[in-house]
Protein backbone atom coordinates (compact mmCIF):
# COMPACT_ATOMS: atom_id res chain seq x y z
CA UNK A 1 1.28 15.03 7.13
CA UNK A 2 2.87 11.89 5.78
CA UNK A 3 6.03 10.48 7.29
CA UNK A 4 7.43 9.37 3.93
CA UNK A 5 7.06 10.45 0.33
CA UNK A 6 4.67 8.21 -1.56
CA UNK A 7 5.85 6.52 -4.75
CA UNK A 8 4.12 8.00 -7.82
CA UNK A 9 2.37 4.71 -8.61
CA UNK A 10 0.73 4.42 -5.19
CA UNK A 11 -2.12 6.95 -5.47
CA UNK A 12 -3.45 5.62 -8.81
CA UNK A 13 -3.19 2.06 -7.47
CA UNK A 14 -5.11 2.93 -4.28
CA UNK A 15 -7.67 5.01 -6.21
CA UNK A 16 -8.31 2.65 -9.14
CA UNK A 17 -6.97 -0.79 -8.14
CA UNK A 18 -10.06 -1.85 -6.18
CA UNK A 19 -12.34 -0.64 -8.98
CA UNK A 20 -10.42 -2.58 -11.64
CA UNK A 21 -10.44 -5.69 -9.49
CA UNK A 22 -14.19 -5.23 -8.86
CA UNK A 23 -14.83 -5.07 -12.61
CA UNK A 24 -12.68 -8.11 -13.45
CA UNK A 25 -14.17 -10.17 -10.61
CA UNK A 26 -17.68 -9.19 -11.69
CA UNK A 27 -17.07 -10.28 -15.29
CA UNK A 28 -15.55 -13.57 -14.11
CA UNK A 29 -17.72 -14.51 -11.12
CA UNK A 30 -20.61 -12.09 -10.56
CA UNK A 31 -21.51 -9.30 -8.19
CA UNK A 32 -21.00 -11.09 -4.86
CA UNK A 33 -17.45 -12.17 -5.75
CA UNK A 34 -16.75 -8.68 -7.09
CA UNK A 35 -17.99 -7.13 -3.85
CA UNK A 36 -15.71 -9.38 -1.80
CA UNK A 37 -12.78 -8.52 -4.08
CA UNK A 38 -13.57 -4.80 -3.71
CA UNK A 39 -13.52 -5.01 0.08
CA UNK A 40 -10.29 -7.02 0.21
CA UNK A 41 -8.50 -4.83 -2.37
CA UNK A 42 -9.57 -1.65 -0.57
CA UNK A 43 -8.27 -2.86 2.79
CA UNK A 44 -5.03 -4.30 1.37
CA UNK A 45 -4.22 -1.19 -0.67
CA UNK A 46 -4.97 1.19 2.20
CA UNK A 47 -2.67 -0.96 4.33
CA UNK A 48 0.02 -0.77 1.64
CA UNK A 49 -0.48 2.99 1.44
CA UNK A 50 -0.03 3.29 5.21
CA UNK A 51 3.00 0.98 5.23
CA UNK A 52 4.73 3.06 2.56
CA UNK A 53 3.75 6.57 3.73
CA UNK A 54 2.69 6.25 7.38
CA UNK A 55 -0.37 8.30 6.41
CA UNK A 56 -3.84 7.75 4.96
CA UNK A 57 -5.79 10.71 3.58
CA UNK A 58 -9.27 11.30 4.99
CA UNK A 59 -11.30 10.81 1.77
CA UNK A 60 -9.88 7.34 0.93
CA UNK A 61 -10.43 6.37 4.56
CA UNK A 62 -14.08 7.47 4.44
CA UNK A 63 -14.57 5.69 1.12
CA UNK A 64 -13.00 2.51 2.55
CA UNK A 65 -15.31 2.59 5.55
CA UNK A 66 -18.34 2.89 3.26
CA UNK A 67 -17.02 0.08 1.02
CA UNK A 68 -16.58 -2.19 4.04
CA UNK A 69 -19.99 -1.40 5.54
CA UNK A 70 -22.07 -1.52 2.36
CA UNK A 71 -20.04 -4.30 0.77
CA UNK A 72 -20.29 -6.26 4.02
CA UNK A 73 -24.07 -5.79 4.11
CA UNK A 74 -24.27 -6.94 0.48
CA UNK A 75 -22.42 -10.17 1.29
CA UNK A 76 -24.00 -10.78 4.69
CA UNK A 77 -27.58 -10.22 3.54
CA UNK A 78 -27.00 -11.51 0.00
CA UNK A 79 -28.59 -8.29 -1.28
CA UNK A 80 -26.95 -6.40 -4.16
CA UNK A 81 -28.82 -3.18 -3.36
CA UNK A 82 -26.28 -2.26 -0.70
CA UNK A 83 -23.27 -2.30 -3.04
CA UNK A 84 -25.31 -0.37 -5.60
CA UNK A 85 -26.07 2.27 -2.97
CA UNK A 86 -22.40 2.70 -2.10
CA UNK A 87 -21.57 5.15 -4.93
CA UNK A 88 -24.67 7.19 -4.03
CA UNK A 89 -23.59 7.38 -0.38
CA UNK A 90 -19.97 8.27 -1.24
CA UNK A 91 -20.94 10.95 -3.78
CA UNK A 92 -23.62 12.41 -1.49
CA UNK A 93 -21.22 12.44 1.47
CA UNK A 94 -18.57 14.26 -0.58
CA UNK A 95 -21.22 16.79 -1.68
CA UNK A 96 -22.37 17.33 1.91
CA UNK A 97 -18.79 17.78 3.14
CA UNK A 98 -18.13 20.35 0.41
CA UNK A 99 -21.45 22.18 0.99
CA UNK A 100 -20.71 22.18 4.73
CA UNK A 101 -17.33 23.76 4.08
CA UNK A 102 -18.99 26.44 1.97
CA UNK A 103 -21.49 27.21 4.76
CA UNK A 104 -18.63 27.45 7.26
CA UNK A 105 -16.68 29.63 4.80
CA UNK A 106 -13.88 27.05 4.71
CA UNK A 107 -13.56 25.64 1.18
CA UNK A 108 -13.01 21.99 2.06
CA UNK A 109 -11.61 21.25 -1.39
CA UNK A 110 -8.65 23.49 -0.57
CA UNK A 111 -7.71 21.21 2.33
CA UNK A 112 -7.88 18.15 0.08
CA UNK A 113 -6.07 19.62 -2.95
CA UNK A 114 -4.23 22.59 -1.43
CA UNK A 115 -0.79 21.06 -1.71
CA UNK A 116 -1.27 20.12 -5.37
CA UNK A 117 -2.53 23.49 -6.64
CA UNK A 118 -2.61 27.03 -5.32
CA UNK A 119 -5.69 29.11 -6.04
CA UNK A 120 -7.06 32.41 -4.80
CA UNK A 121 -9.79 32.22 -2.16
CA UNK A 122 -12.38 33.04 -4.83
CA UNK A 123 -11.00 30.24 -7.01
CA UNK A 124 -11.31 27.74 -4.16
CA UNK A 125 -14.84 28.95 -3.41
CA UNK A 126 -15.97 28.55 -7.03
CA UNK A 127 -14.23 25.19 -7.46
CA UNK A 128 -15.72 23.89 -4.22
CA UNK A 129 -19.23 24.93 -5.31
CA UNK A 130 -18.78 23.24 -8.66
CA UNK A 131 -17.53 19.98 -7.18
CA UNK A 132 -20.24 19.96 -4.50
CA UNK A 133 -22.92 20.31 -7.18
CA UNK A 134 -21.19 17.70 -9.36
CA UNK A 135 -21.05 15.14 -6.54
CA UNK A 136 -24.71 15.79 -5.67
CA UNK A 137 -25.66 15.26 -9.34
CA UNK A 138 -23.59 12.06 -9.49
CA UNK A 139 -25.36 10.70 -6.39
CA UNK A 140 -28.72 11.32 -8.07
CA UNK A 141 -27.48 9.84 -11.35
CA UNK A 142 -26.29 6.64 -9.63
CA UNK A 143 -29.71 6.28 -8.02
CA UNK A 144 -31.41 6.63 -11.39
CA UNK A 145 -29.05 4.21 -13.12
CA UNK A 146 -29.01 1.36 -10.59
CA UNK A 147 -32.77 1.47 -10.20
CA UNK A 148 -33.48 1.43 -13.95
CA UNK A 149 -30.94 -0.85 -15.65
CA UNK A 150 -29.59 -4.38 -15.28
CA UNK A 151 -26.75 -5.15 -12.88
CA UNK A 152 -24.42 -5.67 -15.87
CA UNK A 153 -25.14 -2.17 -17.17
CA UNK A 154 -24.86 -0.67 -13.69
CA UNK A 155 -21.40 -2.21 -13.21
CA UNK A 156 -20.30 -0.72 -16.56
CA UNK A 157 -21.70 2.66 -15.43
CA UNK A 158 -19.96 2.40 -12.04
CA UNK A 159 -16.59 1.53 -13.56
CA UNK A 160 -16.60 3.59 -16.76
CA UNK A 161 -19.41 6.11 -16.39
CA UNK A 162 -18.66 7.50 -12.95
CA UNK A 163 -14.90 7.57 -13.54
CA UNK A 164 -15.29 8.99 -17.05
CA UNK A 165 -17.74 11.70 -16.02
CA UNK A 166 -15.53 12.65 -13.07
CA UNK A 167 -12.46 12.96 -15.33
CA UNK A 168 -14.36 15.01 -17.92
CA UNK A 169 -15.79 17.27 -15.21
CA UNK A 170 -12.37 17.71 -13.60
CA UNK A 171 -10.76 18.61 -16.94
CA UNK A 172 -13.56 21.10 -17.58
CA UNK A 173 -12.47 22.92 -14.39
CA UNK A 174 -8.98 23.67 -15.73
CA UNK A 175 -9.92 27.09 -17.17
CA UNK A 176 -11.33 28.16 -13.78
CA UNK A 177 -8.22 26.91 -12.00
CA UNK A 178 -5.97 28.66 -14.52
CA UNK A 179 -7.82 31.96 -14.00
CA UNK A 180 -7.44 31.77 -10.21
CA UNK A 181 -3.95 30.23 -9.98
CA UNK A 182 -1.54 32.09 -7.70
CA UNK A 183 2.22 31.83 -7.45
CA UNK A 184 4.08 30.71 -4.35
CA UNK A 185 4.68 34.29 -3.16
CA UNK A 186 1.00 35.33 -3.24
CA UNK A 187 -1.00 34.80 -0.07
CA UNK A 188 -4.17 33.88 -1.95
CA UNK A 189 -6.26 36.34 0.06
CA UNK A 190 -7.89 37.98 -2.97
């Protein structure tokens, strides 16, 4: 649990700041500069997050580790394939974590989002399945896109396509969440 309450602007900055900086740096200076900017922004913003809250959530920490490893390999080996693989690895890892939670009968998504929304156990199970399948599909889609289009188009897909599809998919889950929403007095054991 966090030691301090996070300012409302912090989560969007940590989630989207590195991506925006990656896009701007790519348009100005190319993929290698953008990769360096992504690594630096990710580390700096996670540090800011920790300084302000004394806590870093697990998923941003995992994502940061993958950014550092694959971004570092991209720069060190001067090979753009590694940074292009990063979204595949992140999406596939999220899918595997969610599928693993389903197999263990512990809807992992509930642990990530449980404080933000309260759903019945069946709601968490269905939502976890949906997100696991979505992340698996996004991993496959990134593989198809980066292997078949120019780097310019892949960057546009990474910045706008992945984020846009994730937002649309998340909004499409609102009816399911509404159906399975529970109030604060319900135990959620249905």
